């Protein structure tokens, strides 16, 4: 594995988010600038992912380019990200599809600024989901994904879009299935870091808040 020399995975995750923040500060009367920022942000992310493909060692096992920093000490949570052969494919596919999606949506003129901002936020959150190695960090990115997804479907979907978007955001039992399963099986996932105490807290909160998660006897 070649050393990137800088926090490559962090750049991959937060470059689209930086683009989203920049888009949010742009005036609505300049749609051409909004589109340009969206293209540049997704193209830069794709470039970083291309460098990731170059540095990734296919002969090595386990996670590579791991970044591990303190985050929430009281919960034992850390900013812990890394990439393996499976997540590498998902990251590359995400980085490729989002610039294609923005190019394919050139016909969108209604609320273009909001659309571009939500798309960039969605890309950032998805990349965070695929690269997270800490359970709580994964849970945070997973929940963030739902916000831009809701607004994109509700704002620019087709017929009955409001009804299609609502279940993905409003039903807490459905949208927390994946994090709850991860909490239940964290010991079976090599390299996925979370203390037993943290997993227990998440499962306990799930049982108190969502009856569907309670164990029945």
N, C-alpha and C. Protein backbone atom coordinates (compact mmCIF):
# COMPACT_ATOMS: atom_id res chain seq x y z
N UNK A 1 0.83 -1.20 0.00
CA UNK A 1 0.00 0.00 0.00
C UNK A 1 0.87 1.25 0.00
N UNK A 2 0.62 2.16 -0.90
CA UNK A 2 1.36 3.41 -0.95
C UNK A 2 0.77 4.39 0.05
N UNK A 3 1.62 5.18 0.66
CA UNK A 3 1.17 6.17 1.63
C UNK A 3 0.68 7.40 0.87
N UNK A 4 -0.58 7.79 1.14
CA UNK A 4 -1.15 8.94 0.44
C UNK A 4 -0.47 10.24 0.85
N UNK A 5 0.04 10.31 2.09
CA UNK A 5 0.72 11.52 2.54
C UNK A 5 -0.21 12.57 3.09
N UNK A 6 -1.51 12.35 3.05
CA UNK A 6 -2.50 13.27 3.61
C UNK A 6 -3.76 12.44 3.92
N UNK A 7 -4.69 12.96 4.73
CA UNK A 7 -5.88 12.17 5.08
C UNK A 7 -6.83 12.01 3.89
N UNK A 8 -6.52 11.07 3.04
CA UNK A 8 -7.23 10.90 1.79
C UNK A 8 -8.71 10.59 1.99
N UNK A 9 -9.03 9.70 2.93
CA UNK A 9 -10.43 9.32 3.12
C UNK A 9 -11.25 10.49 3.65
N UNK A 10 -10.66 11.31 4.49
CA UNK A 10 -11.36 12.50 4.97
C UNK A 10 -11.63 13.47 3.83
N UNK A 11 -10.68 13.63 2.95
CA UNK A 11 -10.89 14.48 1.78
C UNK A 11 -12.01 13.93 0.91
N UNK A 12 -12.05 12.62 0.75
CA UNK A 12 -13.10 12.00 -0.06
C UNK A 12 -14.47 12.24 0.55
N UNK A 13 -14.58 12.10 1.87
CA UNK A 13 -15.87 12.24 2.53
C UNK A 13 -16.37 13.68 2.50
N UNK A 14 -15.48 14.63 2.79
CA UNK A 14 -15.93 16.00 3.06
C UNK A 14 -15.77 16.96 1.88
N UNK A 15 -15.17 16.54 0.78
CA UNK A 15 -15.11 17.42 -0.39
C UNK A 15 -16.50 17.74 -0.93
N UNK A 16 -17.41 16.76 -1.09
CA UNK A 16 -18.77 17.13 -1.52
C UNK A 16 -19.48 18.03 -0.51
N UNK A 17 -19.26 17.81 0.78
CA UNK A 17 -19.89 18.65 1.79
C UNK A 17 -19.39 20.09 1.69
N UNK A 18 -18.10 20.26 1.44
CA UNK A 18 -17.56 21.60 1.24
C UNK A 18 -18.22 22.26 0.02
N UNK A 19 -18.44 21.47 -1.03
CA UNK A 19 -19.14 22.00 -2.19
C UNK A 19 -20.57 22.40 -1.87
N UNK A 20 -21.25 21.61 -1.03
CA UNK A 20 -22.62 21.92 -0.63
C UNK A 20 -22.67 23.23 0.15
N UNK A 21 -21.71 23.43 1.05
CA UNK A 21 -21.66 24.68 1.82
C UNK A 21 -21.44 25.87 0.90
N UNK A 22 -20.55 25.70 -0.08
CA UNK A 22 -20.29 26.78 -1.04
C UNK A 22 -21.52 27.08 -1.87
N UNK A 23 -22.22 26.05 -2.31
CA UNK A 23 -23.46 26.25 -3.08
C UNK A 23 -24.49 27.00 -2.25
N UNK A 24 -24.60 26.67 -0.96
CA UNK A 24 -25.57 27.33 -0.09
C UNK A 24 -25.31 28.83 0.02
N UNK A 25 -24.06 29.26 -0.17
CA UNK A 25 -23.73 30.67 -0.06
C UNK A 25 -23.86 31.42 -1.38
N UNK A 26 -24.10 30.70 -2.47
CA UNK A 26 -24.21 31.34 -3.78
C UNK A 26 -25.60 31.94 -3.99
N UNK A 27 -25.71 33.01 -4.77
CA UNK A 27 -27.03 33.59 -5.07
C UNK A 27 -27.81 32.71 -6.03
N UNK A 28 -29.12 32.68 -5.85
CA UNK A 28 -29.98 31.86 -6.71
C UNK A 28 -29.98 32.34 -8.16
N UNK A 29 -29.68 33.59 -8.38
CA UNK A 29 -29.75 34.15 -9.73
C UNK A 29 -28.56 33.76 -10.59
N UNK A 30 -27.65 32.93 -10.05
CA UNK A 30 -26.48 32.50 -10.82
C UNK A 30 -26.48 30.98 -10.95
N UNK A 31 -27.43 30.41 -11.69
CA UNK A 31 -27.50 28.95 -11.81
C UNK A 31 -26.28 28.34 -12.47
N UNK A 32 -25.65 29.08 -13.37
CA UNK A 32 -24.48 28.53 -14.04
C UNK A 32 -23.32 28.34 -13.06
N UNK A 33 -23.20 29.22 -12.08
CA UNK A 33 -22.16 29.08 -11.06
C UNK A 33 -22.50 27.91 -10.14
N UNK A 34 -23.77 27.76 -9.80
CA UNK A 34 -24.20 26.64 -8.95
C UNK A 34 -23.86 25.31 -9.62
N UNK A 35 -24.18 25.21 -10.90
CA UNK A 35 -23.85 23.97 -11.63
C UNK A 35 -22.34 23.74 -11.67
N UNK A 36 -21.58 24.80 -11.90
CA UNK A 36 -20.13 24.67 -11.98
C UNK A 36 -19.54 24.17 -10.66
N UNK A 37 -20.03 24.70 -9.54
CA UNK A 37 -19.54 24.25 -8.24
C UNK A 37 -19.89 22.78 -8.02
N UNK A 38 -21.11 22.40 -8.40
CA UNK A 38 -21.49 20.99 -8.27
C UNK A 38 -20.61 20.07 -9.10
N UNK A 39 -20.32 20.48 -10.33
CA UNK A 39 -19.45 19.67 -11.18
C UNK A 39 -18.04 19.58 -10.61
N UNK A 40 -17.52 20.71 -10.15
CA UNK A 40 -16.15 20.73 -9.63
C UNK A 40 -16.04 19.88 -8.37
N UNK A 41 -17.03 19.99 -7.47
CA UNK A 41 -16.98 19.23 -6.22
C UNK A 41 -17.04 17.73 -6.48
N UNK A 42 -17.94 17.30 -7.36
CA UNK A 42 -18.05 15.87 -7.64
C UNK A 42 -16.85 15.37 -8.44
N UNK A 43 -16.32 16.22 -9.35
CA UNK A 43 -15.14 15.82 -10.11
C UNK A 43 -13.91 15.71 -9.21
N UNK A 44 -13.79 16.64 -8.25
CA UNK A 44 -12.67 16.57 -7.31
C UNK A 44 -12.76 15.32 -6.45
N UNK A 45 -13.97 14.99 -6.01
CA UNK A 45 -14.17 13.76 -5.23
C UNK A 45 -13.79 12.54 -6.06
N UNK A 46 -14.21 12.53 -7.31
CA UNK A 46 -13.86 11.43 -8.20
C UNK A 46 -12.34 11.34 -8.39
N UNK A 47 -11.69 12.48 -8.44
CA UNK A 47 -10.23 12.48 -8.56
C UNK A 47 -9.56 11.89 -7.33
N UNK A 48 -10.05 12.25 -6.14
CA UNK A 48 -9.50 11.67 -4.92
C UNK A 48 -9.73 10.16 -4.87
N UNK A 49 -10.90 9.73 -5.33
CA UNK A 49 -11.19 8.29 -5.35
C UNK A 49 -10.30 7.58 -6.37
N UNK A 50 -10.02 8.24 -7.48
CA UNK A 50 -9.09 7.67 -8.44
C UNK A 50 -7.71 7.47 -7.82
N UNK A 51 -7.28 8.45 -7.01
CA UNK A 51 -6.00 8.29 -6.31
C UNK A 51 -6.08 7.18 -5.27
N UNK A 52 -7.25 7.03 -4.66
CA UNK A 52 -7.45 5.92 -3.72
C UNK A 52 -7.29 4.58 -4.43
N UNK A 53 -7.86 4.45 -5.62
CA UNK A 53 -7.70 3.22 -6.39
C UNK A 53 -6.23 2.96 -6.71
N UNK A 54 -5.49 4.03 -6.96
CA UNK A 54 -4.07 3.89 -7.28
C UNK A 54 -3.26 3.44 -6.07
N UNK A 55 -3.60 3.97 -4.88
CA UNK A 55 -2.83 3.65 -3.68
C UNK A 55 -3.27 2.35 -3.02
N UNK A 56 -4.45 1.85 -3.34
CA UNK A 56 -4.97 0.66 -2.68
C UNK A 56 -4.15 -0.57 -3.08
N UNK A 57 -3.75 -1.34 -2.08
CA UNK A 57 -2.94 -2.54 -2.31
C UNK A 57 -3.87 -3.75 -2.36
N UNK A 58 -4.08 -4.29 -3.55
CA UNK A 58 -5.00 -5.41 -3.71
C UNK A 58 -4.44 -6.71 -3.14
N UNK A 59 -3.14 -6.76 -2.85
CA UNK A 59 -2.55 -7.98 -2.30
C UNK A 59 -2.62 -8.04 -0.78
N UNK A 60 -3.02 -6.93 -0.15
CA UNK A 60 -3.08 -6.87 1.31
C UNK A 60 -4.50 -7.13 1.78
N UNK A 61 -4.62 -7.70 2.98
CA UNK A 61 -5.92 -7.95 3.58
C UNK A 61 -6.20 -6.92 4.66
N UNK A 62 -7.44 -6.80 5.04
CA UNK A 62 -7.82 -5.86 6.10
C UNK A 62 -8.05 -4.45 5.56
N UNK A 63 -8.23 -3.53 6.50
CA UNK A 63 -8.51 -2.14 6.14
C UNK A 63 -7.23 -1.38 5.87
N UNK A 64 -7.30 -0.46 4.94
CA UNK A 64 -6.15 0.34 4.55
C UNK A 64 -6.47 1.83 4.69
N UNK A 65 -5.41 2.64 4.74
CA UNK A 65 -5.53 4.10 4.87
C UNK A 65 -6.40 4.49 6.06
N UNK A 66 -6.25 3.76 7.15
CA UNK A 66 -7.09 3.98 8.33
C UNK A 66 -6.73 5.31 9.00
N UNK A 67 -7.77 6.07 9.36
CA UNK A 67 -7.62 7.31 10.12
C UNK A 67 -8.36 7.13 11.43
N UNK A 68 -7.68 7.35 12.52
CA UNK A 68 -8.24 7.09 13.84
C UNK A 68 -7.96 8.28 14.75
N UNK A 69 -9.03 9.00 15.13
CA UNK A 69 -8.88 10.19 15.97
C UNK A 69 -9.97 10.19 17.04
N UNK A 70 -9.69 10.76 18.21
CA UNK A 70 -10.73 10.86 19.25
C UNK A 70 -11.90 11.70 18.76
N UNK A 71 -13.09 11.37 19.25
CA UNK A 71 -14.28 12.11 18.84
C UNK A 71 -15.17 12.40 20.05
N UNK A 72 -15.92 11.41 20.53
CA UNK A 72 -16.80 11.59 21.69
C UNK A 72 -16.30 10.64 22.78
N UNK A 73 -15.50 11.17 23.68
CA UNK A 73 -14.87 10.33 24.69
C UNK A 73 -15.88 9.68 25.63
N UNK A 74 -16.94 10.41 25.96
CA UNK A 74 -17.91 9.87 26.92
C UNK A 74 -18.62 8.63 26.39
N UNK A 75 -18.73 8.51 25.07
CA UNK A 75 -19.36 7.33 24.46
C UNK A 75 -18.34 6.33 23.94
N UNK A 76 -17.07 6.68 24.05
CA UNK A 76 -16.04 5.80 23.50
C UNK A 76 -16.01 5.82 21.99
N UNK A 77 -16.62 6.85 21.37
CA UNK A 77 -16.68 6.92 19.91
C UNK A 77 -15.45 7.63 19.36
N UNK A 78 -15.01 7.19 18.20
CA UNK A 78 -13.85 7.78 17.55
C UNK A 78 -14.17 8.05 16.09
N UNK A 79 -13.44 9.02 15.54
CA UNK A 79 -13.50 9.23 14.10
C UNK A 79 -12.57 8.19 13.48
N UNK A 80 -13.14 7.06 13.10
CA UNK A 80 -12.36 5.92 12.61
C UNK A 80 -12.89 5.52 11.24
N UNK A 81 -12.08 5.75 10.22
CA UNK A 81 -12.47 5.42 8.85
C UNK A 81 -11.37 4.58 8.21
N UNK A 82 -11.76 3.78 7.26
CA UNK A 82 -10.82 2.92 6.54
C UNK A 82 -11.52 2.32 5.34
N UNK A 83 -10.75 1.67 4.49
CA UNK A 83 -11.31 1.11 3.26
C UNK A 83 -10.77 -0.30 3.07
N UNK A 84 -11.64 -1.20 2.63
CA UNK A 84 -11.22 -2.54 2.23
C UNK A 84 -11.73 -2.81 0.82
N UNK A 85 -11.59 -4.04 0.36
CA UNK A 85 -11.95 -4.35 -1.02
C UNK A 85 -13.42 -4.15 -1.33
N UNK A 86 -14.30 -4.40 -0.35
CA UNK A 86 -15.74 -4.24 -0.58
C UNK A 86 -16.13 -2.77 -0.59
N UNK A 87 -15.72 -2.04 0.44
CA UNK A 87 -16.08 -0.63 0.50
C UNK A 87 -15.41 0.17 -0.62
N UNK A 88 -14.25 -0.29 -1.10
CA UNK A 88 -13.58 0.39 -2.20
C UNK A 88 -14.48 0.43 -3.44
N UNK A 89 -15.14 -0.69 -3.72
CA UNK A 89 -16.04 -0.75 -4.87
C UNK A 89 -17.21 0.21 -4.68
N UNK A 90 -17.81 0.24 -3.50
CA UNK A 90 -18.95 1.11 -3.24
C UNK A 90 -18.56 2.59 -3.32
N UNK A 91 -17.39 2.92 -2.78
CA UNK A 91 -16.93 4.30 -2.84
C UNK A 91 -16.68 4.73 -4.28
N UNK A 92 -16.03 3.87 -5.05
CA UNK A 92 -15.75 4.20 -6.45
C UNK A 92 -17.04 4.37 -7.25
N UNK A 93 -18.02 3.49 -7.00
CA UNK A 93 -19.29 3.58 -7.72
C UNK A 93 -20.03 4.86 -7.35
N UNK A 94 -20.02 5.22 -6.07
CA UNK A 94 -20.68 6.45 -5.62
C UNK A 94 -20.04 7.68 -6.26
N UNK A 95 -18.71 7.72 -6.23
CA UNK A 95 -18.00 8.87 -6.78
C UNK A 95 -18.20 9.00 -8.28
N UNK A 96 -18.44 7.89 -8.96
CA UNK A 96 -18.66 7.92 -10.41
C UNK A 96 -20.09 8.34 -10.75
N UNK A 97 -21.06 7.88 -9.98
CA UNK A 97 -22.46 8.10 -10.33
C UNK A 97 -22.92 9.54 -10.06
N UNK A 98 -22.37 10.19 -9.04
CA UNK A 98 -22.88 11.52 -8.71
C UNK A 98 -22.55 12.58 -9.75
N UNK A 99 -21.34 12.65 -10.30
CA UNK A 99 -21.16 13.62 -11.40
C UNK A 99 -22.00 13.27 -12.61
N UNK A 100 -22.18 11.98 -12.88
CA UNK A 100 -23.06 11.58 -13.99
C UNK A 100 -24.49 12.03 -13.71
N UNK A 101 -24.92 11.88 -12.44
CA UNK A 101 -26.27 12.31 -12.07
C UNK A 101 -26.47 13.81 -12.24
N UNK A 102 -25.47 14.60 -11.87
CA UNK A 102 -25.60 16.05 -12.03
C UNK A 102 -25.62 16.44 -13.50
N UNK A 103 -24.82 15.77 -14.30
CA UNK A 103 -24.81 16.07 -15.74
C UNK A 103 -26.15 15.67 -16.37
N UNK A 104 -26.68 14.53 -15.94
CA UNK A 104 -27.95 14.05 -16.50
C UNK A 104 -29.13 14.91 -16.06
N UNK A 105 -28.98 15.69 -15.01
CA UNK A 105 -30.08 16.51 -14.50
C UNK A 105 -29.96 17.97 -14.94
N UNK A 106 -29.34 18.20 -16.07
CA UNK A 106 -29.19 19.57 -16.58
C UNK A 106 -30.52 20.21 -16.91
N UNK A 107 -31.55 19.40 -17.14
CA UNK A 107 -32.87 19.95 -17.46
C UNK A 107 -33.56 20.53 -16.22
N UNK A 108 -33.06 20.24 -15.04
CA UNK A 108 -33.67 20.76 -13.82
C UNK A 108 -33.33 22.24 -13.69
N UNK A 109 -34.35 23.06 -13.60
CA UNK A 109 -34.16 24.49 -13.40
C UNK A 109 -34.90 24.98 -12.15
N UNK A 110 -35.86 24.21 -11.68
CA UNK A 110 -36.64 24.59 -10.50
C UNK A 110 -35.82 24.32 -9.24
N UNK A 111 -35.55 25.38 -8.49
CA UNK A 111 -34.79 25.29 -7.23
C UNK A 111 -33.48 24.53 -7.44
N UNK A 112 -32.74 24.94 -8.44
CA UNK A 112 -31.49 24.27 -8.80
C UNK A 112 -30.47 24.34 -7.66
N UNK A 113 -30.43 25.47 -6.98
CA UNK A 113 -29.47 25.63 -5.88
C UNK A 113 -29.72 24.59 -4.80
N UNK A 114 -30.98 24.41 -4.41
CA UNK A 114 -31.31 23.43 -3.37
C UNK A 114 -31.02 22.02 -3.84
N UNK A 115 -31.35 21.74 -5.10
CA UNK A 115 -31.12 20.40 -5.64
C UNK A 115 -29.63 20.04 -5.61
N UNK A 116 -28.79 20.95 -6.07
CA UNK A 116 -27.35 20.69 -6.10
C UNK A 116 -26.80 20.54 -4.69
N UNK A 117 -27.25 21.37 -3.77
CA UNK A 117 -26.78 21.28 -2.39
C UNK A 117 -27.15 19.94 -1.77
N UNK A 118 -28.40 19.49 -1.95
CA UNK A 118 -28.83 18.21 -1.37
C UNK A 118 -28.09 17.05 -2.01
N UNK A 119 -27.83 17.13 -3.30
CA UNK A 119 -27.09 16.05 -3.97
C UNK A 119 -25.67 15.93 -3.42
N UNK A 120 -25.02 17.04 -3.20
CA UNK A 120 -23.66 17.01 -2.66
C UNK A 120 -23.65 16.51 -1.22
N UNK A 121 -24.65 16.92 -0.43
CA UNK A 121 -24.74 16.41 0.94
C UNK A 121 -24.99 14.91 0.95
N UNK A 122 -25.82 14.43 0.04
CA UNK A 122 -26.09 13.00 -0.05
C UNK A 122 -24.84 12.22 -0.40
N UNK A 123 -24.06 12.73 -1.34
CA UNK A 123 -22.82 12.04 -1.71
C UNK A 123 -21.86 11.97 -0.53
N UNK A 124 -21.72 13.08 0.19
CA UNK A 124 -20.82 13.10 1.34
C UNK A 124 -21.25 12.09 2.40
N UNK A 125 -22.55 12.04 2.71
CA UNK A 125 -23.05 11.13 3.73
C UNK A 125 -22.90 9.67 3.30
N UNK A 126 -23.15 9.38 2.04
CA UNK A 126 -23.01 8.00 1.55
C UNK A 126 -21.55 7.55 1.64
N UNK A 127 -20.64 8.41 1.25
CA UNK A 127 -19.22 8.06 1.35
C UNK A 127 -18.83 7.83 2.81
N UNK A 128 -19.39 8.62 3.72
CA UNK A 128 -19.14 8.40 5.13
C UNK A 128 -19.65 7.06 5.62
N UNK A 129 -20.82 6.66 5.13
CA UNK A 129 -21.38 5.35 5.49
C UNK A 129 -20.45 4.23 5.04
N UNK A 130 -19.94 4.32 3.84
CA UNK A 130 -19.12 3.23 3.29
C UNK A 130 -17.72 3.17 3.92
N UNK A 131 -17.25 4.28 4.46
CA UNK A 131 -15.88 4.32 4.98
C UNK A 131 -15.80 4.28 6.50
N UNK A 132 -16.92 4.39 7.20
CA UNK A 132 -16.92 4.40 8.66
C UNK A 132 -16.56 3.03 9.22
N UNK A 133 -15.71 3.01 10.24
CA UNK A 133 -15.38 1.79 10.96
C UNK A 133 -15.83 1.83 12.41
N UNK A 134 -16.33 2.96 12.85
CA UNK A 134 -16.86 3.09 14.19
C UNK A 134 -18.39 3.05 14.11
N UNK A 135 -19.01 2.30 15.00
CA UNK A 135 -20.46 2.09 14.94
C UNK A 135 -21.24 3.40 15.06
N UNK A 136 -20.86 4.25 16.02
CA UNK A 136 -21.61 5.49 16.22
C UNK A 136 -21.38 6.43 15.04
N UNK A 137 -20.18 6.49 14.52
CA UNK A 137 -19.91 7.31 13.34
C UNK A 137 -20.73 6.83 12.16
N UNK A 138 -20.80 5.52 11.98
CA UNK A 138 -21.63 4.95 10.92
C UNK A 138 -23.09 5.35 11.11
N UNK A 139 -23.58 5.26 12.33
CA UNK A 139 -24.97 5.60 12.64
C UNK A 139 -25.26 7.06 12.29
N UNK A 140 -24.33 7.96 12.61
CA UNK A 140 -24.51 9.38 12.31
C UNK A 140 -24.61 9.60 10.79
N UNK A 141 -23.68 9.02 10.04
CA UNK A 141 -23.71 9.18 8.59
C UNK A 141 -24.98 8.55 7.99
N UNK A 142 -25.38 7.40 8.54
CA UNK A 142 -26.58 6.73 8.03
C UNK A 142 -27.81 7.61 8.21
N UNK A 143 -27.93 8.25 9.36
CA UNK A 143 -29.07 9.12 9.61
C UNK A 143 -29.03 10.37 8.73
N UNK A 144 -27.83 10.91 8.50
CA UNK A 144 -27.71 12.10 7.65
C UNK A 144 -28.14 11.80 6.23
N UNK A 145 -27.87 10.59 5.75
CA UNK A 145 -28.26 10.20 4.39
C UNK A 145 -29.75 10.43 4.16
N UNK A 146 -30.56 10.18 5.17
CA UNK A 146 -32.01 10.25 5.01
C UNK A 146 -32.53 11.65 4.75
N UNK A 147 -31.81 12.67 5.24
CA UNK A 147 -32.29 14.05 5.10
C UNK A 147 -32.26 14.51 3.64
N UNK A 148 -31.10 14.51 2.97
CA UNK A 148 -31.11 14.92 1.55
C UNK A 148 -31.93 13.97 0.68
N UNK A 149 -31.96 12.69 1.04
CA UNK A 149 -32.76 11.75 0.25
C UNK A 149 -34.23 12.15 0.26
N UNK A 150 -34.72 12.53 1.45
CA UNK A 150 -36.12 12.94 1.57
C UNK A 150 -36.41 14.16 0.70
N UNK A 151 -35.57 15.19 0.81
CA UNK A 151 -35.83 16.43 0.08
C UNK A 151 -35.69 16.26 -1.43
N UNK A 152 -34.76 15.40 -1.86
CA UNK A 152 -34.61 15.17 -3.30
C UNK A 152 -35.83 14.45 -3.86
N UNK A 153 -36.28 13.40 -3.16
CA UNK A 153 -37.45 12.67 -3.64
C UNK A 153 -38.69 13.55 -3.60
N UNK A 154 -38.89 14.26 -2.48
CA UNK A 154 -40.09 15.07 -2.31
C UNK A 154 -40.10 16.29 -3.22
N UNK A 155 -38.93 16.83 -3.52
CA UNK A 155 -38.88 18.05 -4.30
C UNK A 155 -38.77 17.86 -5.80
N UNK A 156 -38.13 16.76 -6.24
CA UNK A 156 -37.89 16.59 -7.67
C UNK A 156 -38.26 15.20 -8.17
N UNK A 157 -39.03 14.46 -7.37
CA UNK A 157 -39.49 13.15 -7.81
C UNK A 157 -40.63 13.27 -8.80
N UNK A 158 -41.16 12.13 -9.17
CA UNK A 158 -42.27 12.12 -10.13
C UNK A 158 -43.60 12.08 -9.39
N UNK A 159 -44.61 11.51 -10.00
CA UNK A 159 -45.95 11.51 -9.43
C UNK A 159 -45.97 10.88 -8.04
N UNK A 160 -46.78 11.48 -7.17
CA UNK A 160 -46.96 11.00 -5.79
C UNK A 160 -45.63 11.00 -5.04
N UNK A 161 -44.80 11.98 -5.30
CA UNK A 161 -43.46 12.01 -4.72
C UNK A 161 -43.49 12.26 -3.21
N UNK A 162 -44.45 13.06 -2.73
CA UNK A 162 -44.52 13.31 -1.30
C UNK A 162 -44.80 12.03 -0.54
N UNK A 163 -45.71 11.23 -1.06
CA UNK A 163 -46.04 9.97 -0.40
C UNK A 163 -44.87 9.00 -0.47
N UNK A 164 -44.12 9.04 -1.56
CA UNK A 164 -42.97 8.14 -1.70
C UNK A 164 -41.83 8.52 -0.77
N UNK A 165 -41.68 9.82 -0.50
CA UNK A 165 -40.56 10.28 0.31
C UNK A 165 -40.81 10.11 1.80
N UNK A 166 -42.06 10.28 2.23
CA UNK A 166 -42.36 10.32 3.66
C UNK A 166 -41.93 9.06 4.42
N UNK A 167 -42.21 7.84 3.94
CA UNK A 167 -41.84 6.66 4.73
C UNK A 167 -40.34 6.53 4.97
N UNK A 168 -39.52 7.06 4.08
CA UNK A 168 -38.08 6.93 4.22
C UNK A 168 -37.51 7.82 5.32
N UNK A 169 -38.33 8.80 5.74
CA UNK A 169 -37.83 9.73 6.75
C UNK A 169 -38.66 9.71 8.02
N UNK A 170 -39.96 9.50 7.88
CA UNK A 170 -40.85 9.67 9.02
C UNK A 170 -41.00 8.43 9.88
N UNK A 171 -40.78 7.24 9.34
CA UNK A 171 -40.99 6.02 10.10
C UNK A 171 -39.70 5.60 10.79
N UNK A 172 -39.55 5.86 12.08
CA UNK A 172 -38.28 5.56 12.75
C UNK A 172 -38.01 4.08 12.85
N UNK A 173 -39.04 3.24 12.83
CA UNK A 173 -38.82 1.81 12.95
C UNK A 173 -38.12 1.27 11.71
N UNK A 174 -38.50 1.78 10.53
CA UNK A 174 -37.89 1.30 9.29
C UNK A 174 -36.51 1.86 9.09
N UNK A 175 -36.33 3.15 9.41
CA UNK A 175 -35.06 3.79 9.07
C UNK A 175 -33.95 3.47 10.05
N UNK A 176 -34.24 2.75 11.12
CA UNK A 176 -33.21 2.38 12.06
C UNK A 176 -32.94 0.88 12.07
N UNK A 177 -33.45 0.16 11.10
CA UNK A 177 -33.23 -1.28 11.06
C UNK A 177 -31.75 -1.59 10.87
N UNK A 178 -31.12 -0.94 9.89
CA UNK A 178 -29.72 -1.25 9.60
C UNK A 178 -28.78 -0.93 10.77
N UNK A 179 -28.87 0.27 11.39
CA UNK A 179 -27.99 0.51 12.53
C UNK A 179 -28.25 -0.44 13.69
N UNK A 180 -29.51 -0.81 13.91
CA UNK A 180 -29.82 -1.73 14.99
C UNK A 180 -29.23 -3.10 14.73
N UNK A 181 -29.29 -3.56 13.48
CA UNK A 181 -28.68 -4.84 13.13
C UNK A 181 -27.17 -4.78 13.33
N UNK A 182 -26.57 -3.64 12.97
CA UNK A 182 -25.12 -3.51 13.16
C UNK A 182 -24.76 -3.56 14.64
N UNK A 183 -25.59 -2.94 15.46
CA UNK A 183 -25.34 -2.97 16.90
C UNK A 183 -25.46 -4.37 17.45
N UNK A 184 -26.38 -5.15 16.88
CA UNK A 184 -26.61 -6.50 17.37
C UNK A 184 -25.52 -7.46 16.94
N UNK A 185 -24.84 -7.16 15.84
CA UNK A 185 -23.87 -8.10 15.28
C UNK A 185 -22.46 -7.52 15.23
N UNK A 186 -22.18 -6.49 16.06
CA UNK A 186 -20.91 -5.79 15.94
C UNK A 186 -19.72 -6.69 16.20
N UNK A 187 -19.89 -7.70 17.02
CA UNK A 187 -18.76 -8.57 17.34
C UNK A 187 -18.40 -9.48 16.18
N UNK A 188 -19.35 -9.64 15.24
CA UNK A 188 -19.11 -10.53 14.11
C UNK A 188 -18.48 -9.81 12.93
N UNK A 189 -18.28 -8.50 13.05
CA UNK A 189 -17.73 -7.72 11.94
C UNK A 189 -16.28 -7.36 12.23
N UNK A 190 -15.30 -8.06 11.63
CA UNK A 190 -13.89 -7.78 11.90
C UNK A 190 -13.53 -6.36 11.49
N UNK A 191 -12.88 -5.64 12.39
CA UNK A 191 -12.42 -4.30 12.08
C UNK A 191 -13.44 -3.23 12.34
N UNK A 192 -14.71 -3.61 12.54
CA UNK A 192 -15.74 -2.61 12.80
C UNK A 192 -15.72 -2.30 14.28
N UNK A 193 -15.28 -1.10 14.66
CA UNK A 193 -14.99 -0.80 16.04
C UNK A 193 -16.22 -0.25 16.76
N UNK A 194 -16.55 -0.88 17.85
CA UNK A 194 -17.52 -0.32 18.79
C UNK A 194 -17.43 -1.13 20.06
N UNK A 195 -17.38 -0.47 21.19
CA UNK A 195 -17.30 -1.19 22.44
C UNK A 195 -18.62 -1.86 22.74
N UNK A 196 -18.57 -2.90 23.56
CA UNK A 196 -19.80 -3.56 23.97
C UNK A 196 -20.73 -2.60 24.68
N UNK A 197 -20.16 -1.66 25.44
CA UNK A 197 -20.98 -0.68 26.13
C UNK A 197 -21.76 0.19 25.15
N UNK A 198 -21.10 0.64 24.06
CA UNK A 198 -21.78 1.48 23.09
C UNK A 198 -22.87 0.72 22.38
N UNK A 199 -22.58 -0.52 21.96
CA UNK A 199 -23.59 -1.31 21.27
C UNK A 199 -24.78 -1.57 22.19
N UNK A 200 -24.49 -1.82 23.47
CA UNK A 200 -25.56 -2.05 24.41
C UNK A 200 -26.44 -0.83 24.58
N UNK A 201 -25.81 0.36 24.57
CA UNK A 201 -26.59 1.59 24.70
C UNK A 201 -27.52 1.78 23.50
N UNK A 202 -27.00 1.52 22.31
CA UNK A 202 -27.83 1.68 21.12
C UNK A 202 -28.98 0.70 21.12
N UNK A 203 -28.70 -0.56 21.49
CA UNK A 203 -29.77 -1.56 21.50
C UNK A 203 -30.78 -1.24 22.58
N UNK A 204 -30.31 -0.74 23.73
CA UNK A 204 -31.23 -0.39 24.80
C UNK A 204 -32.12 0.77 24.39
N UNK A 205 -31.53 1.77 23.72
CA UNK A 205 -32.32 2.91 23.26
C UNK A 205 -33.34 2.47 22.22
N UNK A 206 -32.94 1.53 21.35
CA UNK A 206 -33.87 1.04 20.35
C UNK A 206 -35.05 0.34 21.00
N UNK A 207 -34.79 -0.44 22.05
CA UNK A 207 -35.85 -1.18 22.71
C UNK A 207 -36.81 -0.25 23.42
N UNK A 208 -36.28 0.87 23.98
CA UNK A 208 -37.16 1.79 24.68
C UNK A 208 -37.99 2.62 23.73
N UNK A 209 -37.39 3.00 22.58
CA UNK A 209 -38.03 3.97 21.71
C UNK A 209 -38.92 3.32 20.67
N UNK A 210 -38.48 2.18 20.13
CA UNK A 210 -39.23 1.57 19.04
C UNK A 210 -39.67 0.17 19.43
N UNK A 211 -40.97 -0.03 19.67
CA UNK A 211 -41.44 -1.33 20.14
C UNK A 211 -41.11 -2.48 19.20
N UNK A 212 -40.94 -2.18 17.92
CA UNK A 212 -40.66 -3.27 16.99
C UNK A 212 -39.29 -3.88 17.25
N UNK A 213 -38.40 -3.14 17.97
CA UNK A 213 -37.06 -3.64 18.24
C UNK A 213 -36.99 -4.44 19.54
N UNK A 214 -38.07 -4.48 20.30
CA UNK A 214 -38.02 -5.18 21.55
C UNK A 214 -38.03 -6.70 21.33
N UNK A 215 -37.33 -7.39 22.22
CA UNK A 215 -37.30 -8.83 22.14
C UNK A 215 -38.56 -9.40 22.76
N UNK A 216 -39.18 -10.27 22.05
CA UNK A 216 -40.40 -10.91 22.55
C UNK A 216 -40.08 -12.31 23.01
N UNK A 217 -40.82 -12.79 24.02
CA UNK A 217 -40.58 -14.13 24.54
C UNK A 217 -41.84 -14.95 24.39
